[in-house]
N, C-alpha and C. Protein backbone atom coordinates (compact mmCIF):
# COMPACT_ATOMS: atom_id res chain seq x y z
N MET A 1 0.86 -1.16 0.00
CA MET A 1 0.00 0.00 0.00
C MET A 1 0.91 1.23 0.00
N THR A 2 0.49 2.27 -0.66
CA THR A 2 1.30 3.48 -0.67
C THR A 2 1.30 4.12 0.71
N PHE A 3 2.31 4.92 0.95
CA PHE A 3 2.44 5.64 2.21
C PHE A 3 1.16 6.44 2.50
N GLU A 4 0.71 7.20 1.52
CA GLU A 4 -0.45 8.07 1.70
C GLU A 4 -1.71 7.27 1.99
N ASP A 5 -1.89 6.15 1.29
CA ASP A 5 -3.09 5.35 1.49
C ASP A 5 -3.08 4.64 2.84
N LEU A 6 -1.91 4.18 3.27
CA LEU A 6 -1.81 3.55 4.59
C LEU A 6 -2.11 4.57 5.68
N ARG A 7 -1.58 5.75 5.53
CA ARG A 7 -1.86 6.82 6.49
C ARG A 7 -3.36 7.12 6.52
N GLU A 8 -3.97 7.19 5.35
CA GLU A 8 -5.42 7.44 5.26
C GLU A 8 -6.22 6.33 5.95
N LEU A 9 -5.81 5.09 5.75
CA LEU A 9 -6.49 3.96 6.39
C LEU A 9 -6.39 4.06 7.91
N LEU A 10 -5.19 4.28 8.42
CA LEU A 10 -5.01 4.36 9.86
C LEU A 10 -5.75 5.55 10.47
N LEU A 11 -5.72 6.68 9.80
CA LEU A 11 -6.46 7.84 10.30
C LEU A 11 -7.96 7.61 10.26
N SER A 12 -8.43 6.92 9.23
CA SER A 12 -9.86 6.60 9.14
C SER A 12 -10.29 5.71 10.31
N ILE A 13 -9.44 4.76 10.65
CA ILE A 13 -9.75 3.89 11.79
C ILE A 13 -9.78 4.71 13.07
N ALA A 14 -8.83 5.60 13.24
CA ALA A 14 -8.78 6.45 14.44
C ALA A 14 -9.99 7.36 14.52
N GLU A 15 -10.49 7.81 13.38
CA GLU A 15 -11.64 8.71 13.35
C GLU A 15 -12.96 7.95 13.35
N GLU A 16 -12.88 6.63 13.49
CA GLU A 16 -14.05 5.76 13.49
C GLU A 16 -14.90 5.95 12.24
N ASP A 17 -14.21 5.97 11.11
CA ASP A 17 -14.86 6.14 9.81
C ASP A 17 -14.50 4.96 8.91
N THR A 18 -14.57 3.75 9.48
CA THR A 18 -14.14 2.58 8.71
C THR A 18 -15.19 1.49 8.68
N ILE A 19 -16.40 1.87 8.35
CA ILE A 19 -17.42 0.87 8.07
C ILE A 19 -16.94 0.11 6.83
N ILE A 20 -17.13 -1.18 6.82
CA ILE A 20 -16.57 -2.01 5.75
C ILE A 20 -17.03 -1.56 4.37
N SER A 21 -18.27 -1.14 4.23
CA SER A 21 -18.74 -0.67 2.92
C SER A 21 -17.92 0.54 2.45
N THR A 22 -17.52 1.41 3.38
CA THR A 22 -16.70 2.57 3.04
C THR A 22 -15.29 2.13 2.62
N LEU A 23 -14.71 1.22 3.39
CA LEU A 23 -13.39 0.69 3.03
C LEU A 23 -13.43 0.02 1.66
N PHE A 24 -14.47 -0.77 1.44
CA PHE A 24 -14.63 -1.48 0.18
C PHE A 24 -14.70 -0.49 -0.98
N SER A 25 -15.54 0.51 -0.83
CA SER A 25 -15.73 1.50 -1.88
C SER A 25 -14.44 2.28 -2.16
N PHE A 26 -13.81 2.79 -1.12
CA PHE A 26 -12.64 3.65 -1.30
C PHE A 26 -11.38 2.88 -1.69
N PHE A 27 -11.03 1.86 -0.91
CA PHE A 27 -9.74 1.19 -1.12
C PHE A 27 -9.78 0.10 -2.19
N ILE A 28 -10.89 -0.57 -2.34
CA ILE A 28 -10.96 -1.67 -3.32
C ILE A 28 -11.48 -1.17 -4.66
N LYS A 29 -12.65 -0.55 -4.66
CA LYS A 29 -13.22 -0.10 -5.94
C LYS A 29 -12.47 1.11 -6.52
N ASN A 30 -12.20 2.12 -5.69
CA ASN A 30 -11.58 3.35 -6.20
C ASN A 30 -10.06 3.24 -6.34
N LYS A 31 -9.40 2.67 -5.35
CA LYS A 31 -7.94 2.62 -5.34
C LYS A 31 -7.37 1.34 -5.95
N GLY A 32 -8.18 0.31 -6.07
CA GLY A 32 -7.74 -0.93 -6.71
C GLY A 32 -6.99 -1.90 -5.82
N TYR A 33 -7.04 -1.72 -4.52
CA TYR A 33 -6.38 -2.66 -3.61
C TYR A 33 -7.18 -3.95 -3.49
N SER A 34 -6.48 -5.01 -3.15
CA SER A 34 -7.15 -6.30 -2.94
C SER A 34 -7.68 -6.37 -1.51
N THR A 35 -8.66 -7.23 -1.31
CA THR A 35 -9.14 -7.45 0.05
C THR A 35 -8.03 -8.04 0.90
N GLN A 36 -7.11 -8.78 0.27
CA GLN A 36 -6.04 -9.43 1.02
C GLN A 36 -5.13 -8.42 1.72
N ILE A 37 -4.74 -7.35 1.04
CA ILE A 37 -3.86 -6.37 1.68
C ILE A 37 -4.57 -5.67 2.82
N LEU A 38 -5.85 -5.37 2.63
CA LEU A 38 -6.61 -4.74 3.71
C LEU A 38 -6.74 -5.69 4.90
N GLU A 39 -7.02 -6.96 4.61
CA GLU A 39 -7.10 -7.94 5.69
C GLU A 39 -5.76 -8.10 6.40
N ASP A 40 -4.67 -8.12 5.64
CA ASP A 40 -3.35 -8.24 6.25
C ASP A 40 -3.11 -7.11 7.25
N ILE A 41 -3.42 -5.90 6.86
CA ILE A 41 -3.21 -4.73 7.73
C ILE A 41 -4.16 -4.76 8.92
N ILE A 42 -5.44 -4.97 8.65
CA ILE A 42 -6.43 -4.95 9.72
C ILE A 42 -6.20 -6.07 10.72
N PHE A 43 -5.98 -7.28 10.24
CA PHE A 43 -5.80 -8.40 11.16
C PHE A 43 -4.44 -8.36 11.87
N TYR A 44 -3.47 -7.70 11.28
CA TYR A 44 -2.23 -7.44 12.00
C TYR A 44 -2.53 -6.53 13.19
N GLY A 45 -3.32 -5.49 12.95
CA GLY A 45 -3.72 -4.59 14.03
C GLY A 45 -4.52 -5.30 15.11
N VAL A 46 -5.37 -6.24 14.71
CA VAL A 46 -6.13 -7.04 15.67
C VAL A 46 -5.16 -7.91 16.48
N LYS A 47 -4.22 -8.54 15.79
CA LYS A 47 -3.27 -9.45 16.43
C LYS A 47 -2.43 -8.74 17.50
N ILE A 48 -2.01 -7.52 17.22
CA ILE A 48 -1.18 -6.80 18.20
C ILE A 48 -2.01 -6.06 19.23
N GLY A 49 -3.34 -6.19 19.15
CA GLY A 49 -4.22 -5.60 20.15
C GLY A 49 -4.57 -4.14 19.94
N TRP A 50 -4.34 -3.63 18.74
CA TRP A 50 -4.66 -2.23 18.46
C TRP A 50 -6.07 -2.06 17.92
N PHE A 51 -6.53 -2.99 17.06
CA PHE A 51 -7.83 -2.87 16.41
C PHE A 51 -8.77 -3.97 16.87
N LYS A 52 -10.05 -3.71 16.64
CA LYS A 52 -11.06 -4.75 16.74
C LYS A 52 -12.10 -4.49 15.67
N ILE A 53 -12.78 -5.55 15.29
CA ILE A 53 -13.84 -5.46 14.28
C ILE A 53 -15.14 -5.64 15.05
N VAL A 54 -15.99 -4.62 14.97
CA VAL A 54 -17.20 -4.62 15.79
C VAL A 54 -18.43 -4.33 14.95
N ASN A 55 -19.58 -4.54 15.58
CA ASN A 55 -20.86 -4.21 14.98
C ASN A 55 -21.07 -2.70 15.09
N VAL A 56 -21.53 -2.09 14.03
CA VAL A 56 -21.75 -0.64 14.01
C VAL A 56 -22.75 -0.21 15.08
N GLY A 57 -23.81 -0.97 15.25
CA GLY A 57 -24.85 -0.60 16.20
C GLY A 57 -24.59 -1.01 17.63
N ASN A 58 -23.67 -1.97 17.83
CA ASN A 58 -23.41 -2.48 19.17
C ASN A 58 -21.96 -2.94 19.23
N ASP A 59 -21.09 -2.09 19.77
CA ASP A 59 -19.66 -2.44 19.76
C ASP A 59 -19.30 -3.53 20.76
N ASN A 60 -20.29 -4.07 21.46
CA ASN A 60 -20.04 -5.25 22.30
C ASN A 60 -20.05 -6.53 21.47
N ILE A 61 -20.52 -6.42 20.22
CA ILE A 61 -20.51 -7.56 19.30
C ILE A 61 -19.26 -7.42 18.43
N SER A 62 -18.36 -8.40 18.55
CA SER A 62 -17.14 -8.35 17.74
C SER A 62 -17.11 -9.50 16.75
N TYR A 63 -16.25 -9.35 15.75
CA TYR A 63 -16.15 -10.32 14.66
C TYR A 63 -14.71 -10.78 14.50
N THR A 64 -14.57 -12.00 14.00
CA THR A 64 -13.23 -12.52 13.69
C THR A 64 -13.00 -12.58 12.19
N GLU A 65 -14.03 -12.30 11.41
CA GLU A 65 -13.92 -12.27 9.95
C GLU A 65 -14.61 -11.03 9.43
N ILE A 66 -14.18 -10.58 8.26
CA ILE A 66 -14.79 -9.42 7.61
C ILE A 66 -15.55 -9.89 6.38
N GLU A 67 -16.75 -9.40 6.23
CA GLU A 67 -17.54 -9.68 5.02
C GLU A 67 -17.29 -8.53 4.05
N TRP A 68 -16.41 -8.77 3.06
CA TRP A 68 -16.04 -7.73 2.10
C TRP A 68 -17.13 -7.58 1.05
N ARG A 69 -18.07 -6.68 1.35
CA ARG A 69 -19.17 -6.37 0.43
C ARG A 69 -19.41 -4.87 0.43
N ILE A 70 -19.82 -4.36 -0.70
CA ILE A 70 -20.11 -2.93 -0.82
C ILE A 70 -21.30 -2.53 0.06
N ASP A 71 -22.16 -3.49 0.40
CA ASP A 71 -23.33 -3.17 1.23
C ASP A 71 -23.15 -3.57 2.70
N ASN A 72 -21.92 -3.88 3.10
CA ASN A 72 -21.68 -4.26 4.49
C ASN A 72 -21.59 -2.99 5.33
N ASP A 73 -22.73 -2.60 5.89
CA ASP A 73 -22.77 -1.41 6.73
C ASP A 73 -22.96 -1.77 8.20
N PHE A 74 -22.68 -3.05 8.55
CA PHE A 74 -22.87 -3.47 9.93
C PHE A 74 -21.55 -3.78 10.64
N GLN A 75 -20.44 -3.85 9.90
CA GLN A 75 -19.14 -4.10 10.51
C GLN A 75 -18.25 -2.88 10.35
N GLU A 76 -17.44 -2.60 11.38
CA GLU A 76 -16.45 -1.53 11.25
C GLU A 76 -15.20 -1.89 12.04
N VAL A 77 -14.10 -1.26 11.65
CA VAL A 77 -12.82 -1.46 12.32
C VAL A 77 -12.60 -0.25 13.22
N VAL A 78 -12.25 -0.50 14.47
CA VAL A 78 -12.00 0.58 15.41
C VAL A 78 -10.73 0.29 16.20
N PHE A 79 -10.12 1.33 16.73
CA PHE A 79 -9.02 1.16 17.67
C PHE A 79 -9.59 0.69 18.99
N CYS A 80 -8.89 -0.20 19.66
CA CYS A 80 -9.32 -0.66 20.99
C CYS A 80 -9.27 0.48 21.98
N ASP A 81 -8.30 1.37 21.84
CA ASP A 81 -8.13 2.51 22.73
C ASP A 81 -7.94 3.74 21.86
N ASN A 82 -8.98 4.54 21.72
CA ASN A 82 -8.91 5.68 20.80
C ASN A 82 -7.93 6.75 21.26
N ASP A 83 -7.75 6.92 22.55
CA ASP A 83 -6.75 7.88 23.04
C ASP A 83 -5.36 7.45 22.60
N PHE A 84 -5.10 6.16 22.70
CA PHE A 84 -3.82 5.61 22.25
C PHE A 84 -3.65 5.86 20.75
N ALA A 85 -4.72 5.67 19.99
CA ALA A 85 -4.66 5.86 18.54
C ALA A 85 -4.26 7.29 18.20
N VAL A 86 -4.91 8.24 18.83
CA VAL A 86 -4.63 9.64 18.53
C VAL A 86 -3.19 9.98 18.92
N LYS A 87 -2.77 9.55 20.10
CA LYS A 87 -1.40 9.83 20.54
C LYS A 87 -0.38 9.17 19.61
N THR A 88 -0.66 7.95 19.21
CA THR A 88 0.28 7.20 18.38
C THR A 88 0.36 7.77 16.97
N LEU A 89 -0.78 8.04 16.36
CA LEU A 89 -0.78 8.50 14.97
C LEU A 89 -0.32 9.94 14.82
N PHE A 90 -0.66 10.76 15.79
CA PHE A 90 -0.35 12.18 15.63
C PHE A 90 0.97 12.59 16.27
N THR A 91 1.64 11.66 16.95
CA THR A 91 2.96 11.98 17.49
C THR A 91 4.07 11.35 16.66
N GLN A 92 3.73 10.47 15.76
CA GLN A 92 4.73 9.89 14.86
C GLN A 92 5.06 10.93 13.79
N GLU A 93 6.31 11.07 13.48
CA GLU A 93 6.71 12.07 12.48
C GLU A 93 6.00 11.86 11.15
N SER A 94 5.89 10.63 10.74
CA SER A 94 5.26 10.34 9.44
C SER A 94 3.76 10.10 9.57
N GLY A 95 3.27 9.92 10.79
CA GLY A 95 1.87 9.59 10.98
C GLY A 95 1.60 8.11 10.87
N ILE A 96 2.66 7.33 10.61
CA ILE A 96 2.51 5.89 10.51
C ILE A 96 3.40 5.24 11.57
N PRO A 97 2.80 4.50 12.49
CA PRO A 97 3.61 3.81 13.51
C PRO A 97 4.59 2.83 12.88
N GLU A 98 5.73 2.69 13.50
CA GLU A 98 6.79 1.81 13.00
C GLU A 98 6.28 0.40 12.70
N LEU A 99 5.40 -0.13 13.55
CA LEU A 99 4.89 -1.49 13.36
C LEU A 99 4.15 -1.67 12.04
N PHE A 100 3.60 -0.60 11.48
CA PHE A 100 2.82 -0.70 10.25
C PHE A 100 3.60 -0.32 9.00
N LYS A 101 4.81 0.16 9.16
CA LYS A 101 5.60 0.58 7.99
C LYS A 101 5.92 -0.57 7.05
N LYS A 102 5.85 -1.80 7.55
CA LYS A 102 6.14 -2.96 6.69
C LYS A 102 5.09 -3.13 5.58
N PHE A 103 3.95 -2.44 5.70
CA PHE A 103 2.91 -2.55 4.68
C PHE A 103 3.05 -1.52 3.57
N ILE A 104 4.05 -0.65 3.68
CA ILE A 104 4.27 0.36 2.63
C ILE A 104 5.04 -0.29 1.49
N LEU A 105 4.52 -0.10 0.29
CA LEU A 105 5.20 -0.65 -0.90
C LEU A 105 6.29 0.27 -1.38
C-alpha cells in the first residue's frame, strides 16, 4: 500500500470512519487494492491488540472475519483505545507507527 493510502487507512480507523462498505468502496473499488492487503493490515492490528472489528450498532458484538461487500454497513474497524490511537498516529513524524511501515510498498 502506498504511504499516503496507509496513512489514510489508519487515520480513518482512528476517526471511526471505517465501516466495511466505506473501506470497500474507497480502497478496493476506487484505489484498486485487494481485500487481502486490507485484511493483512487490519488483522495485523487485531493481532497486536490495536484494532477490533465490531458491529456498528453495538460495539459489544465483535467479529473474527470481515464480510467484504459494498453493502456491508454493519461491521467496522476501530481502535481498541482511541486515546492511544490519537497519541500514536499524531505523534509519529510520518503519521505511521513503526509497526505498520512494513505494509508500505
